[in-house]
Structure formats: structure tokens, C-alpha cells
C-alpha atoms as a PDB file:
ATOM      1  CA  LEU A   1     110.789 104.582  72.511  1.00  0.00           C
ATOM      2  CA  ASN A   2     109.281 106.891  69.991  1.00  0.00           C
ATOM      3  CA  ARG A   3     112.574 105.395  67.619  1.00  0.00           C
ATOM      4  CA  ILE A   4     111.406 102.226  68.675  1.00  0.00           C
ATOM      5  CA  LYS A   5     108.062 102.136  67.520  1.00  0.00           C
ATOM      6  CA  ALA A   6     108.736 104.483  64.593  1.00  0.00           C
ATOM      7  CA  SER A   7     111.435 101.572  63.361  1.00  0.00           C
ATOM      8  CA  GLY A   8     108.020  99.163  63.277  1.00  0.00           C
ATOM      9  CA  LEU A   9     109.466  96.856  65.900  1.00  0.00           C
ATOM     10  CA  LYS A  10     107.044  95.772  68.373  1.00  0.00           C
ATOM     11  CA  LEU A  11     107.070  96.537  71.772  1.00  0.00           C
ATOM     12  CA  ARG A  12     105.420  95.634  75.414  1.00  0.00           C
ATOM     13  CA  PHE A  13     105.805  97.350  78.783  1.00  0.00           C
ATOM     14  CA  CYS A  14     106.036  94.307  80.967  1.00  0.00           C
ATOM     15  CA  THR A  15     105.875  95.326  84.427  1.00  0.00           C
ATOM     16  CA  ASN A  16     105.205  93.638  88.009  1.00  0.00           C
ATOM     17  CA  GLU A  17     103.422  96.993  89.017  1.00  0.00           C
ATOM     18  CA  THR A  18     100.817  95.683  91.347  1.00  0.00           C
ATOM     19  CA  GLN A  19     100.219  98.600  93.324  1.00  0.00           C
ATOM     20  CA  ALA A  20      97.713 100.009  90.465  1.00  0.00           C
ATOM     21  CA  THR A  21      95.737  99.012  87.967  1.00  0.00           C
ATOM     22  CA  ARG A  22      97.441  99.368  84.362  1.00  0.00           C
ATOM     23  CA  GLU A  23      94.929 102.271  83.483  1.00  0.00           C
ATOM     24  CA  LYS A  24      96.391 103.928  86.320  1.00  0.00           C
ATOM     25  CA  PHE A  25      99.847 102.730  85.588  1.00  0.00           C
ATOM     26  CA  VAL A  26      99.477 104.097  82.122  1.00  0.00           C
ATOM     27  CA  LYS A  27      98.171 107.397  83.184  1.00  0.00           C
ATOM     28  CA  LYS A  28     100.931 108.354  85.165  1.00  0.00           C
ATOM     29  CA  LEU A  29     103.535 107.280  82.510  1.00  0.00           C
ATOM     30  CA  GLN A  30     101.014 109.020  80.125  1.00  0.00           C
ATOM     31  CA  GLY A  31     101.418 112.080  82.084  1.00  0.00           C
ATOM     32  CA  MET A  32     105.629 112.028  82.170  1.00  0.00           C
ATOM     33  CA  GLY A  33     104.587 112.540  78.222  1.00  0.00           C
ATOM     34  CA  PHE A  34     105.247 108.607  77.312  1.00  0.00           C
ATOM     35  CA  ASP A  35     103.590 107.336  74.354  1.00  0.00           C
ATOM     36  CA  ILE A  36     102.072 103.909  75.612  1.00  0.00           C
ATOM     37  CA  SER A  37      98.358 102.237  75.868  1.00  0.00           C
ATOM     38  CA  VAL A  38      97.153  99.825  78.064  1.00  0.00           C
ATOM     39  CA  ALA A  39      96.797  97.551  75.174  1.00  0.00           C
ATOM     40  CA  GLU A  40     100.597  97.214  75.043  1.00  0.00           C
ATOM     41  CA  VAL A  41     101.277  96.528  78.866  1.00  0.00           C
ATOM     42  CA  THR A  42     101.956  92.918  80.089  1.00  0.00           C
ATOM     43  CA  ALA A  43     100.824  92.892  84.134  1.00  0.00           C
ATOM     44  CA  PRO A  44     100.926  90.378  87.137  1.00  0.00           C
ATOM     45  CA  ALA A  45      97.118  91.098  87.985  1.00  0.00           C
ATOM     46  CA  PRO A  46      95.216  90.184  84.534  1.00  0.00           C
ATOM     47  CA  ALA A  47      97.739  87.136  84.569  1.00  0.00           C
ATOM     48  CA  ALA A  48      96.489  86.449  87.577  1.00  0.00           C
ATOM     49  CA  CYS A  49      92.699  86.565  87.106  1.00  0.00           C
ATOM     50  CA  ARG A  50      92.922  84.236  84.054  1.00  0.00           C
ATOM     51  CA  ILE A  51      94.373  81.361  85.778  1.00  0.00           C
ATOM     52  CA  LEU A  52      91.798  82.378  88.583  1.00  0.00           C
ATOM     53  CA  LYS A  53      88.884  81.981  85.950  1.00  0.00           C
ATOM     54  CA  GLU A  54      91.053  79.001  84.397  1.00  0.00           C
ATOM     55  CA  ARG A  55      90.736  76.787  87.590  1.00  0.00           C
ATOM     56  CA  SER A  56      87.814  78.022  89.561  1.00  0.00           C
ATOM     57  CA  LEU A  57      89.341  79.844  92.612  1.00  0.00           C
ATOM     58  CA  ARG A  58      87.971  82.244  94.619  1.00  0.00           C
ATOM     59  CA  PRO A  59      90.641  84.933  96.220  1.00  0.00           C
ATOM     60  CA  HIS A  60      91.472  86.233  99.345  1.00  0.00           C
ATOM     61  CA  LEU A  61      93.439  89.350  97.989  1.00  0.00           C
ATOM     62  CA  LEU A  62      96.319  90.643  99.847  1.00  0.00           C
ATOM     63  CA  VAL A  63      96.771  93.379  98.067  1.00  0.00           C
ATOM     64  CA  HIS A  64      96.751  97.441  97.387  1.00  0.00           C
ATOM     65  CA  ASN A  65      94.070  98.919  97.263  1.00  0.00           C
ATOM     66  CA  ASP A  66      94.411 100.350  93.855  1.00  0.00           C
ATOM     67  CA  LEU A  67      95.150  97.106  92.526  1.00  0.00           C
ATOM     68  CA  VAL A  68      91.889  95.608  93.827  1.00  0.00           C
ATOM     69  CA  PRO A  69      89.232  96.746  90.691  1.00  0.00           C
ATOM     70  CA  GLU A  70      91.403  94.642  88.654  1.00  0.00           C
ATOM     71  CA  PHE A  71      89.836  91.620  90.423  1.00  0.00           C
ATOM     72  CA  ALA A  72      86.083  93.095  89.847  1.00  0.00           C
ATOM     73  CA  GLU A  73      84.904  90.150  87.593  1.00  0.00           C
ATOM     74  CA  ILE A  74      86.551  87.445  89.843  1.00  0.00           C
ATOM     75  CA  ASP A  75      84.331  85.477  92.677  1.00  0.00           C
ATOM     76  CA  LYS A  76      86.078  86.351  96.255  1.00  0.00           C
ATOM     77  CA  ALA A  77      83.626  84.401  97.983  1.00  0.00           C
ATOM     78  CA  ASN A  78      84.467  81.535 100.129  1.00  0.00           C
ATOM     79  CA  PRO A  79      88.025  81.850  99.267  1.00  0.00           C
ATOM     80  CA  ASN A  80      89.992  78.421  98.114  1.00  0.00           C
ATOM     81  CA  CYS A  81      93.563  80.824  97.821  1.00  0.00           C
ATOM     82  CA  VAL A  82      95.746  83.688  98.556  1.00  0.00           C
ATOM     83  CA  VAL A  83      96.632  86.083  95.648  1.00  0.00           C
ATOM     84  CA  ILE A  84      99.409  88.758  97.680  1.00  0.00           C
ATOM     85  CA  GLY A  85     100.664  91.415  95.391  1.00  0.00           C
ATOM     86  CA  ASP A  86     102.796  94.590  96.693  1.00  0.00           C
ATOM     87  CA  ALA A  87     100.089  95.885  99.233  1.00  0.00           C
ATOM     88  CA  ALA A  88     102.313  98.932 100.772  1.00  0.00           C
ATOM     89  CA  GLU A  89     100.751 100.054 103.876  1.00  0.00           C
ATOM     90  CA  ASN A  90      98.417  96.970 103.594  1.00  0.00           C
ATOM     91  CA  PHE A  91     101.285  94.743 104.560  1.00  0.00           C
ATOM     92  CA  THR A  92      99.908  94.823 108.389  1.00  0.00           C
ATOM     93  CA  TYR A  93     100.324  92.183 111.333  1.00  0.00           C
ATOM     94  CA  ALA A  94      96.831  91.540 111.203  1.00  0.00           C
ATOM     95  CA  ASN A  95      96.609  91.300 106.915  1.00  0.00           C
ATOM     96  CA  LEU A  96      99.684  88.900 106.644  1.00  0.00           C
ATOM     97  CA  ASN A  97      98.092  86.532 109.618  1.00  0.00           C
ATOM     98  CA  GLU A  98      94.181  86.804 107.855  1.00  0.00           C
ATOM     99  CA  ALA A  99      95.913  85.204 104.635  1.00  0.00           C
ATOM    100  CA  PHE A 100      97.663  82.916 106.927  1.00  0.00           C
ATOM    101  CA  ARG A 101      95.027  81.507 108.641  1.00  0.00           C
ATOM    102  CA  VAL A 102      93.131  81.482 104.972  1.00  0.00           C
ATOM    103  CA  LEU A 103      95.881  79.228 104.018  1.00  0.00           C
ATOM    104  CA  ILE A 104      96.506  77.088 106.540  1.00  0.00           C
ATOM    105  CA  GLY A 105      92.859  76.244 107.059  1.00  0.00           C
ATOM    106  CA  MET A 106      92.885  74.178 103.257  1.00  0.00           C
ATOM    107  CA  GLU A 107      93.948  71.217 103.004  1.00  0.00           C
ATOM    108  CA  LYS A 108      96.423  71.835  99.486  1.00  0.00           C
ATOM    109  CA  PRO A 109      96.917  76.194  99.902  1.00  0.00           C
ATOM    110  CA  VAL A 110      97.346  77.592  96.997  1.00  0.00           C
ATOM    111  CA  LEU A 111      99.032  80.830  97.167  1.00  0.00           C
ATOM    112  CA  ILE A 112      99.439  82.809  93.570  1.00  0.00           C
ATOM    113  CA  SER A 113     102.172  85.667  94.238  1.00  0.00           C
ATOM    114  CA  LEU A 114     101.875  89.176  91.818  1.00  0.00           C
ATOM    115  CA  GLY A 115     106.108  88.591  91.862  1.00  0.00           C
ATOM    116  CA  ARG A 116     109.181  87.791  93.491  1.00  0.00           C
ATOM    117  CA  GLY A 117     111.402  90.927  94.085  1.00  0.00           C
ATOM    118  CA  ARG A 118     112.997  91.545  97.305  1.00  0.00           C
ATOM    119  CA  TYR A 119     113.010  95.774  96.819  1.00  0.00           C
ATOM    120  CA  TYR A 120     112.546  98.174  94.650  1.00  0.00           C
ATOM    121  CA  LYS A 121     113.530 101.792  94.616  1.00  0.00           C
ATOM    122  CA  GLU A 122     111.169 104.992  95.041  1.00  0.00           C
ATOM    123  CA  THR A 123     112.159 108.852  95.631  1.00  0.00           C
ATOM    124  CA  ASP A 124     112.558 108.271  99.373  1.00  0.00           C
ATOM    125  CA  GLY A 125     114.612 104.951  98.928  1.00  0.00           C
ATOM    126  CA  LEU A 126     114.606 101.281  99.113  1.00  0.00           C
ATOM    127  CA  LYS A 127     111.335  99.383  99.969  1.00  0.00           C
ATOM    128  CA  LEU A 128     110.455  96.176 100.619  1.00  0.00           C
ATOM    129  CA  ASP A 129     108.542  94.036  98.103  1.00  0.00           C
ATOM    130  CA  VAL A 130     106.362  91.164  97.436  1.00  0.00           C
ATOM    131  CA  GLY A 131     108.337  88.614  97.893  1.00  0.00           C
ATOM    132  CA  ALA A 132     109.861  89.032 101.215  1.00  0.00           C
ATOM    133  CA  TYR A 133     106.516  88.603 102.245  1.00  0.00           C
ATOM    134  CA  MET A 134     105.839  85.819 100.212  1.00  0.00           C
ATOM    135  CA  LYS A 135     108.429  84.138 101.653  1.00  0.00           C
ATOM    136  CA  ALA A 136     106.963  84.282 105.074  1.00  0.00           C
ATOM    137  CA  LEU A 137     103.255  82.867 104.229  1.00  0.00           C
ATOM    138  CA  GLU A 138     105.696  79.934 102.586  1.00  0.00           C
ATOM    139  CA  TYR A 139     107.621  79.224 105.277  1.00  0.00           C
ATOM    140  CA  ALA A 140     104.529  79.372 107.587  1.00  0.00           C
ATOM    141  CA  CYS A 141     102.179  77.660 105.794  1.00  0.00           C
ATOM    142  CA  ASP A 142     105.091  74.920 104.278  1.00  0.00           C
ATOM    143  CA  VAL A 143     103.588  75.877 100.510  1.00  0.00           C
ATOM    144  CA  GLN A 144     105.182  76.688  97.307  1.00  0.00           C
ATOM    145  CA  ALA A 145     104.002  80.144  96.077  1.00  0.00           C
ATOM    146  CA  GLU A 146     102.695  80.333  92.123  1.00  0.00           C
ATOM    147  CA  VAL A 147     104.642  83.595  90.797  1.00  0.00           C
ATOM    148  CA  VAL A 148     103.114  85.134  87.868  1.00  0.00           C
ATOM    149  CA  GLY A 149     104.744  88.445  87.561  1.00  0.00           C
ATOM    150  CA  LYS A 150     108.432  89.098  86.430  1.00  0.00           C
ATOM    151  CA  PRO A 151     111.071  87.098  86.341  1.00  0.00           C
ATOM    152  CA  ALA A 152     108.214  83.600  85.724  1.00  0.00           C
ATOM    153  CA  LYS A 153     108.743  82.176  82.679  1.00  0.00           C
ATOM    154  CA  ALA A 154     105.031  82.328  81.802  1.00  0.00           C
ATOM    155  CA  PHE A 155     104.830  85.822  82.381  1.00  0.00           C
ATOM    156  CA  PHE A 156     107.523  86.195  79.573  1.00  0.00           C
ATOM    157  CA  GLU A 157     105.785  83.927  77.368  1.00  0.00           C
ATOM    158  CA  SER A 158     102.453  85.681  77.505  1.00  0.00           C
ATOM    159  CA  ALA A 159     104.407  88.855  76.255  1.00  0.00           C
ATOM    160  CA  LEU A 160     106.086  87.227  73.620  1.00  0.00           C
ATOM    161  CA  ALA A 161     102.492  85.910  72.584  1.00  0.00           C
ATOM    162  CA  GLU A 162     100.705  88.965  72.361  1.00  0.00           C
ATOM    163  CA  MET A 163     103.641  89.882  70.274  1.00  0.00           C
ATOM    164  CA  GLY A 164     103.731  87.023  67.785  1.00  0.00           C
ATOM    165  CA  VAL A 165     107.154  87.353  68.824  1.00  0.00           C
ATOM    166  CA  PRO A 166     110.085  84.200  69.347  1.00  0.00           C
ATOM    167  CA  PRO A 167     111.774  84.366  72.272  1.00  0.00           C
ATOM    168  CA  GLN A 168     115.241  84.551  70.082  1.00  0.00           C
ATOM    169  CA  GLU A 169     114.298  87.727  68.255  1.00  0.00           C
ATOM    170  CA  ALA A 170     113.499  89.550  71.447  1.00  0.00           C
ATOM    171  CA  ILE A 171     115.223  91.605  73.891  1.00  0.00           C
ATOM    172  CA  MET A 172     114.208  92.711  77.333  1.00  0.00           C
ATOM    173  CA  ILE A 173     115.435  95.949  78.665  1.00  0.00           C
ATOM    174  CA  GLY A 174     115.352  96.667  82.516  1.00  0.00           C
ATOM    175  CA  ASP A 175     117.074  97.478  85.533  1.00  0.00           C
ATOM    176  CA  ASP A 176     116.608  93.959  87.728  1.00  0.00           C
ATOM    177  CA  ILE A 177     119.303  91.245  87.378  1.00  0.00           C
ATOM    178  CA  VAL A 178     117.020  88.915  88.556  1.00  0.00           C
ATOM    179  CA  ASN A 179     113.675  89.796  87.848  1.00  0.00           C
ATOM    180  CA  ASP A 180     113.935  91.120  84.533  1.00  0.00           C
ATOM    181  CA  VAL A 181     117.119  90.146  82.730  1.00  0.00           C
ATOM    182  CA  GLY A 182     117.292  86.959  84.429  1.00  0.00           C
ATOM    183  CA  GLY A 183     114.144  85.678  83.530  1.00  0.00           C
ATOM    184  CA  ALA A 184     113.971  86.705  80.694  1.00  0.00           C
ATOM    185  CA  GLN A 185     117.246  84.838  79.589  1.00  0.00           C
ATOM    186  CA  ARG A 186     115.763  81.741  81.287  1.00  0.00           C
ATOM    187  CA  CYS A 187     113.069  82.512  78.663  1.00  0.00           C
ATOM    188  CA  GLY A 188     115.144  82.256  76.004  1.00  0.00           C
ATOM    189  CA  MET A 189     115.368  85.825  75.171  1.00  0.00           C
ATOM    190  CA  ARG A 190     118.293  88.653  75.091  1.00  0.00           C
ATOM    191  CA  ALA A 191     118.405  90.933  77.663  1.00  0.00           C
ATOM    192  CA  LEU A 192     120.016  94.317  78.779  1.00  0.00           C
ATOM    193  CA  GLN A 193     120.299  96.161  81.947  1.00  0.00           C
ATOM    194  CA  VAL A 194     120.216  99.494  82.059  1.00  0.00           C
ATOM    195  CA  ARG A 195     122.225 101.609  85.257  1.00  0.00           C
ATOM    196  CA  THR A 196     118.753 103.552  86.661  1.00  0.00           C
ATOM    197  CA  GLY A 197     116.876 102.658  89.081  1.00  0.00           C
ATOM    198  CA  LYS A 198     117.954  99.842  91.511  1.00  0.00           C
ATOM    199  CA  TYR A 199     120.205  98.398  89.008  1.00  0.00           C
ATOM    200  CA  ARG A 200     122.979  97.568  91.758  1.00  0.00           C
END
């Protein structure tokens, strides 16, 4: 990363991290010795907040407790949509059923997902990601979720716009063949898969 920055190349960290705010995410990486700032991070929650404000949507949140501060400036009274992220331990039957009831009670249900990943890897092994729970709500409510994070084309376009770089002049590096590599390629970018994390 230091060599990339020293070369003058523009850089963005594109993450589907939805268990923490960007500030907490950056602090964690800084603690590992990475030279990174919040302004260099493209994440789903801020992108979702822009959509909510633009469309006057009031979300019922099914997200991780540590992510809730990202939605501090969003009106959540009398919800007219559901926003789902990687809620981890908050993915209980009761919480999923509550989100289901909000959606099923709408004439035109709106489900916004902060990602579509199937699973991810942590130190104690593989874990179900938000995509599995998103699919359950899609099926139960006969609705198509709007995906804000990777591999959505708009997510990569947002990162490119922040850097002022056209897709053909950018490369995405990641361990996920679908969300990182596939998403970037559909956006017109080149992509490189690293053999760490869940590459297999």
C-alpha cells in the first residue's frame, strides 16, 4: 500500500464491512500498521444513507449494533423500507420475522441490502453472510432486494467517481471471485484475485 501511494496512483478501499462504522474499521486497520484514512474507504452504509435521503425512505434496520451510528441522521420513524446488513448475532428468528412483517405489510415492499455475500471467513472459520438472510426475505415477501455493496455496479462506480478514474484505468484486488472480481469486471474494470481469505 505504501508503494502504491508513493507511486501517485489513486487508491480506494472497497469493503462490504457492515459490522462496524468506517471509523472503527479504519482504526482496526491502523492498529495493524496500515496507513489509511476514512476518506479512502468506500462502504455500503454511507451509500445506503444517500439512497434513503434521496428517496425519502425511512428504514427498519436489521444491522449489526456497531453499524447503527452510520444511520444517525436518517429518520427511522414509521418505516417504509427495510435495510439489511451483516447483523451477525442480531440474525435471530425474532429479528428476521420483524423485518419480514415490516416488508409484508407494505403495498410495494422495499428491501435494501448492504451486500449479497454468501459467506466470509473469520479466525474461527466460515460464517454465513448477509446474502443468505437477504434471500430469505426476498423469498418470503416476493421482493427483489436492491444491493448497495459489492458486487453491485453502482458500488464500484461510486468508488471510481470518488477517485475521478474511468473503469478501464482501474484494477480491483480482492479475495472474492464473485463480489470483488466479478463485480469489478461487470463494471468494466480489470480485477485480480488474491489467494488469501476465502479465495477458494
